[in-house]
Amino acid sequence: MESFFSHLKTEGLYPYDIRNMDEAQRRIEAYIHFYNQHRPQRKLNKLPPVEFRKQFIA
């Protein structure tokens, strides 16, 4: 969890000039979607978490 929050802050929040809580909420939700659906994870054989889990279902 600590590494996720570190990635969230450095990749999803700090690069942007966030001015209110609504914008912060949108950025966090968008980053969570990106993290789970598209961001390759080194520990998951360079696959996003969703794709890695699909391997076990098929």
PDB file of N, CA and C in Angstrom:
ATOM      1  N   MET A   1       0.819  -1.188   0.000  1.00  0.00           N
ATOM      2  CA  MET A   1       0.000   0.000   0.000  1.00  0.00           C
ATOM      3  C   MET A   1       0.866   1.257   0.000  1.00  0.00           C
ATOM      4  N   GLU A   2       1.957   1.212   0.733  1.00  0.00           N
ATOM      5  CA  GLU A   2       2.814   2.396   0.781  1.00  0.00           C
ATOM      6  C   GLU A   2       3.339   2.757  -0.600  1.00  0.00           C
ATOM      7  N   SER A   3       3.703   1.754  -1.394  1.00  0.00           N
ATOM      8  CA  SER A   3       4.226   2.065  -2.712  1.00  0.00           C
ATOM      9  C   SER A   3       3.110   2.605  -3.611  1.00  0.00           C
ATOM     10  N   PHE A   4       1.873   2.106  -3.469  1.00  0.00           N
ATOM     11  CA  PHE A   4       0.766   2.649  -4.257  1.00  0.00           C
ATOM     12  C   PHE A   4       0.565   4.129  -3.950  1.00  0.00           C
ATOM     13  N   PHE A   5       0.529   4.486  -2.675  1.00  0.00           N
ATOM     14  CA  PHE A   5       0.311   5.885  -2.322  1.00  0.00           C
ATOM     15  C   PHE A   5       1.475   6.757  -2.775  1.00  0.00           C
ATOM     16  N   SER A   6       2.665   6.217  -2.750  1.00  0.00           N
ATOM     17  CA  SER A   6       3.819   6.957  -3.266  1.00  0.00           C
ATOM     18  C   SER A   6       3.646   7.225  -4.755  1.00  0.00           C
ATOM     19  N   HIS A   7       3.250   6.206  -5.516  1.00  0.00           N
ATOM     20  CA  HIS A   7       3.003   6.379  -6.956  1.00  0.00           C
ATOM     21  C   HIS A   7       1.849   7.347  -7.195  1.00  0.00           C
ATOM     22  N   LEU A   8       0.795   7.220  -6.416  1.00  0.00           N
ATOM     23  CA  LEU A   8      -0.355   8.110  -6.567  1.00  0.00           C
ATOM     24  C   LEU A   8       0.074   9.562  -6.410  1.00  0.00           C
ATOM     25  N   LYS A   9       0.851   9.833  -5.381  1.00  0.00           N
ATOM     26  CA  LYS A   9       1.267  11.215  -5.150  1.00  0.00           C
ATOM     27  C   LYS A   9       2.216  11.716  -6.227  1.00  0.00           C
ATOM     28  N   THR A  10       3.228  10.915  -6.575  1.00  0.00           N
ATOM     29  CA  THR A  10       4.238  11.407  -7.516  1.00  0.00           C
ATOM     30  C   THR A  10       3.751  11.415  -8.960  1.00  0.00           C
ATOM     31  N   GLU A  11       2.881  10.472  -9.340  1.00  0.00           N
ATOM     32  CA  GLU A  11       2.424  10.395 -10.726  1.00  0.00           C
ATOM     33  C   GLU A  11       1.037  10.998 -10.935  1.00  0.00           C
ATOM     34  N   GLY A  12       0.194  10.946  -9.916  1.00  0.00           N
ATOM     35  CA  GLY A  12      -1.187  11.348 -10.098  1.00  0.00           C
ATOM     36  C   GLY A  12      -1.577  12.681  -9.506  1.00  0.00           C
ATOM     37  N   LEU A  13      -0.785  13.201  -8.567  1.00  0.00           N
ATOM     38  CA  LEU A  13      -1.182  14.451  -7.927  1.00  0.00           C
ATOM     39  C   LEU A  13      -0.148  15.564  -8.051  1.00  0.00           C
ATOM     40  N   TYR A  14       1.093  15.303  -7.702  1.00  0.00           N
ATOM     41  CA  TYR A  14       2.106  16.365  -7.674  1.00  0.00           C
ATOM     42  C   TYR A  14       2.335  17.070  -9.007  1.00  0.00           C
ATOM     43  N   PRO A  15       2.247  16.385 -10.145  1.00  0.00           N
ATOM     44  CA  PRO A  15       2.497  17.095 -11.416  1.00  0.00           C
ATOM     45  C   PRO A  15       1.413  18.114 -11.777  1.00  0.00           C
ATOM     46  N   TYR A  16       0.298  18.127 -11.065  1.00  0.00           N
ATOM     47  CA  TYR A  16      -0.830  18.979 -11.424  1.00  0.00           C
ATOM     48  C   TYR A  16      -1.044  20.077 -10.393  1.00  0.00           C
ATOM     49  N   ASP A  17      -1.580  21.180 -10.852  1.00  0.00           N
ATOM     50  CA  ASP A  17      -1.920  22.295  -9.974  1.00  0.00           C
ATOM     51  C   ASP A  17      -3.377  22.113  -9.539  1.00  0.00           C
ATOM     52  N   ILE A  18      -3.574  21.366  -8.468  1.00  0.00           N
ATOM     53  CA  ILE A  18      -4.916  21.041  -7.993  1.00  0.00           C
ATOM     54  C   ILE A  18      -5.392  22.170  -7.085  1.00  0.00           C
ATOM     55  N   ARG A  19      -6.566  22.694  -7.390  1.00  0.00           N
ATOM     56  CA  ARG A  19      -7.060  23.875  -6.675  1.00  0.00           C
ATOM     57  C   ARG A  19      -8.244  23.601  -5.753  1.00  0.00           C
ATOM     58  N   ASN A  20      -8.877  22.440  -5.864  1.00  0.00           N
ATOM     59  CA  ASN A  20     -10.007  22.159  -4.964  1.00  0.00           C
ATOM     60  C   ASN A  20     -10.163  20.649  -4.769  1.00  0.00           C
ATOM     61  N   MET A  21     -11.028  20.280  -3.844  1.00  0.00           N
ATOM     62  CA  MET A  21     -11.217  18.871  -3.501  1.00  0.00           C
ATOM     63  C   MET A  21     -11.874  18.082  -4.637  1.00  0.00           C
ATOM     64  N   ASP A  22     -12.757  18.701  -5.396  1.00  0.00           N
ATOM     65  CA  ASP A  22     -13.396  17.994  -6.510  1.00  0.00           C
ATOM     66  C   ASP A  22     -12.367  17.587  -7.557  1.00  0.00           C
ATOM     67  N   GLU A  23     -11.476  18.496  -7.867  1.00  0.00           N
ATOM     68  CA  GLU A  23     -10.422  18.183  -8.836  1.00  0.00           C
ATOM     69  C   GLU A  23      -9.502  17.099  -8.298  1.00  0.00           C
ATOM     70  N   ALA A  24      -9.166  17.171  -7.015  1.00  0.00           N
ATOM     71  CA  ALA A  24      -8.323  16.140  -6.399  1.00  0.00           C
ATOM     72  C   ALA A  24      -9.012  14.785  -6.467  1.00  0.00           C
ATOM     73  N   GLN A  25     -10.305  14.750  -6.168  1.00  0.00           N
ATOM     74  CA  GLN A  25     -11.065  13.499  -6.217  1.00  0.00           C
ATOM     75  C   GLN A  25     -11.070  12.924  -7.625  1.00  0.00           C
ATOM     76  N   ARG A  26     -11.283  13.757  -8.638  1.00  0.00           N
ATOM     77  CA  ARG A  26     -11.268  13.285 -10.026  1.00  0.00           C
ATOM     78  C   ARG A  26      -9.905  12.724 -10.403  1.00  0.00           C
ATOM     79  N   ARG A  27      -8.841  13.421 -10.015  1.00  0.00           N
ATOM     80  CA  ARG A  27      -7.484  12.945 -10.332  1.00  0.00           C
ATOM     81  C   ARG A  27      -7.197  11.609  -9.653  1.00  0.00           C
ATOM     82  N   ILE A  28      -7.616  11.460  -8.405  1.00  0.00           N
ATOM     83  CA  ILE A  28      -7.380  10.210  -7.675  1.00  0.00           C
ATOM     84  C   ILE A  28      -8.138   9.064  -8.336  1.00  0.00           C
ATOM     85  N   GLU A  29      -9.399   9.285  -8.670  1.00  0.00           N
ATOM     86  CA  GLU A  29     -10.192   8.233  -9.321  1.00  0.00           C
ATOM     87  C   GLU A  29      -9.605   7.860 -10.677  1.00  0.00           C
ATOM     88  N   ALA A  30      -9.180   8.857 -11.441  1.00  0.00           N
ATOM     89  CA  ALA A  30      -8.574   8.585 -12.751  1.00  0.00           C
ATOM     90  C   ALA A  30      -7.273   7.809 -12.587  1.00  0.00           C
ATOM     91  N   TYR A  31      -6.481   8.149 -11.571  1.00  0.00           N
ATOM     92  CA  TYR A  31      -5.219   7.440 -11.375  1.00  0.00           C
ATOM     93  C   TYR A  31      -5.463   5.993 -10.938  1.00  0.00           C
ATOM     94  N   ILE A  32      -6.440   5.769 -10.077  1.00  0.00           N
ATOM     95  CA  ILE A  32      -6.745   4.394  -9.658  1.00  0.00           C
ATOM     96  C   ILE A  32      -7.161   3.558 -10.858  1.00  0.00           C
ATOM     97  N   HIS A  33      -7.979   4.128 -11.733  1.00  0.00           N
ATOM     98  CA  HIS A  33      -8.371   3.408 -12.948  1.00  0.00           C
ATOM     99  C   HIS A  33      -7.131   3.107 -13.807  1.00  0.00           C
ATOM    100  N   PHE A  34      -6.297   4.111 -14.025  1.00  0.00           N
ATOM    101  CA  PHE A  34      -5.066   3.923 -14.805  1.00  0.00           C
ATOM    102  C   PHE A  34      -4.176   2.857 -14.163  1.00  0.00           C
ATOM    103  N   TYR A  35      -4.002   2.923 -12.851  1.00  0.00           N
ATOM    104  CA  TYR A  35      -3.120   2.001 -12.136  1.00  0.00           C
ATOM    105  C   TYR A  35      -3.591   0.553 -12.295  1.00  0.00           C
ATOM    106  N   ASN A  36      -4.882   0.332 -12.201  1.00  0.00           N
ATOM    107  CA  ASN A  36      -5.417  -1.032 -12.289  1.00  0.00           C
ATOM    108  C   ASN A  36      -5.572  -1.541 -13.710  1.00  0.00           C
ATOM    109  N   GLN A  37      -5.895  -0.668 -14.650  1.00  0.00           N
ATOM    110  CA  GLN A  37      -6.218  -1.090 -15.998  1.00  0.00           C
ATOM    111  C   GLN A  37      -5.070  -0.992 -16.998  1.00  0.00           C
ATOM    112  N   HIS A  38      -4.145  -0.050 -16.804  1.00  0.00           N
ATOM    113  CA  HIS A  38      -3.173   0.242 -17.860  1.00  0.00           C
ATOM    114  C   HIS A  38      -1.708   0.249 -17.417  1.00  0.00           C
ATOM    115  N   ARG A  39      -1.417   0.572 -16.175  1.00  0.00           N
ATOM    116  CA  ARG A  39      -0.033   0.751 -15.748  1.00  0.00           C
ATOM    117  C   ARG A  39       0.654  -0.606 -15.564  1.00  0.00           C
ATOM    118  N   PRO A  40       1.702  -0.893 -16.351  1.00  0.00           N
ATOM    119  CA  PRO A  40       2.409  -2.175 -16.187  1.00  0.00           C
ATOM    120  C   PRO A  40       3.108  -2.244 -14.825  1.00  0.00           C
ATOM    121  N   GLN A  41       3.030  -3.406 -14.202  1.00  0.00           N
ATOM    122  CA  GLN A  41       3.655  -3.626 -12.894  1.00  0.00           C
ATOM    123  C   GLN A  41       4.824  -4.591 -13.065  1.00  0.00           C
ATOM    124  N   ARG A  42       5.969  -4.188 -12.628  1.00  0.00           N
ATOM    125  CA  ARG A  42       7.154  -5.028 -12.757  1.00  0.00           C
ATOM    126  C   ARG A  42       6.963  -6.371 -12.057  1.00  0.00           C
ATOM    127  N   LYS A  43       6.366  -6.353 -10.882  1.00  0.00           N
ATOM    128  CA  LYS A  43       6.187  -7.598 -10.130  1.00  0.00           C
ATOM    129  C   LYS A  43       5.116  -8.513 -10.719  1.00  0.00           C
ATOM    130  N   LEU A  44       4.336  -8.007 -11.663  1.00  0.00           N
ATOM    131  CA  LEU A  44       3.295  -8.810 -12.319  1.00  0.00           C
ATOM    132  C   LEU A  44       3.664  -9.115 -13.764  1.00  0.00           C
ATOM    133  N   ASN A  45       4.937  -9.326 -14.018  1.00  0.00           N
ATOM    134  CA  ASN A  45       5.441  -9.641 -15.362  1.00  0.00           C
ATOM    135  C   ASN A  45       5.105  -8.549 -16.371  1.00  0.00           C
ATOM    136  N   LYS A  46       5.191  -7.317 -15.937  1.00  0.00           N
ATOM    137  CA  LYS A  46       4.947  -6.132 -16.788  1.00  0.00           C
ATOM    138  C   LYS A  46       3.534  -6.071 -17.344  1.00  0.00           C
ATOM    139  N   LEU A  47       2.579  -6.577 -16.571  1.00  0.00           N
ATOM    140  CA  LEU A  47       1.166  -6.498 -16.936  1.00  0.00           C
ATOM    141  C   LEU A  47       0.434  -5.618 -15.919  1.00  0.00           C
ATOM    142  N   PRO A  48      -0.642  -4.970 -16.333  1.00  0.00           N
ATOM    143  CA  PRO A  48      -1.484  -4.279 -15.352  1.00  0.00           C
ATOM    144  C   PRO A  48      -2.205  -5.314 -14.489  1.00  0.00           C
ATOM    145  N   PRO A  49      -2.612  -4.965 -13.274  1.00  0.00           N
ATOM    146  CA  PRO A  49      -3.255  -5.937 -12.387  1.00  0.00           C
ATOM    147  C   PRO A  49      -4.446  -6.666 -13.001  1.00  0.00           C
ATOM    148  N   VAL A  50      -5.288  -5.971 -13.731  1.00  0.00           N
ATOM    149  CA  VAL A  50      -6.464  -6.616 -14.331  1.00  0.00           C
ATOM    150  C   VAL A  50      -6.041  -7.693 -15.320  1.00  0.00           C
ATOM    151  N   GLU A  51      -5.070  -7.403 -16.170  1.00  0.00           N
ATOM    152  CA  GLU A  51      -4.606  -8.392 -17.146  1.00  0.00           C
ATOM    153  C   GLU A  51      -3.934  -9.573 -16.455  1.00  0.00           C
ATOM    154  N   PHE A  52      -3.191  -9.322 -15.406  1.00  0.00           N
ATOM    155  CA  PHE A  52      -2.530 -10.393 -14.661  1.00  0.00           C
ATOM    156  C   PHE A  52      -3.568 -11.348 -14.073  1.00  0.00           C
ATOM    157  N   ARG A  53      -4.652 -10.806 -13.507  1.00  0.00           N
ATOM    158  CA  ARG A  53      -5.698 -11.650 -12.936  1.00  0.00           C
ATOM    159  C   ARG A  53      -6.453 -12.435 -14.003  1.00  0.00           C
ATOM    160  N   LYS A  54      -6.611 -11.853 -15.173  1.00  0.00           N
ATOM    161  CA  LYS A  54      -7.318 -12.548 -16.258  1.00  0.00           C
ATOM    162  C   LYS A  54      -6.598 -13.829 -16.664  1.00  0.00           C
ATOM    163  N   GLN A  55      -5.287 -13.878 -16.489  1.00  0.00           N
ATOM    164  CA  GLN A  55      -4.524 -15.076 -16.826  1.00  0.00           C
ATOM    165  C   GLN A  55      -4.976 -16.278 -16.011  1.00  0.00           C
ATOM    166  N   PHE A  56      -5.380 -16.033 -14.765  1.00  0.00           N
ATOM    167  CA  PHE A  56      -5.774 -17.138 -13.886  1.00  0.00           C
ATOM    168  C   PHE A  56      -7.199 -17.596 -14.144  1.00  0.00           C
ATOM    169  N   ILE A  57      -7.997 -16.732 -14.728  1.00  0.00           N
ATOM    170  CA  ILE A  57      -9.385 -17.089 -15.038  1.00  0.00           C
ATOM    171  C   ILE A  57      -9.451 -17.923 -16.305  1.00  0.00           C
ATOM    172  N   ALA A  58      -8.614 -17.574 -17.279  1.00  0.00           N
ATOM    173  CA  ALA A  58      -8.649 -18.264 -18.583  1.00  0.00           C
ATOM    174  C   ALA A  58      -8.100 -19.664 -18.513  1.00  0.00           C
TER     175      ALA A  58
END
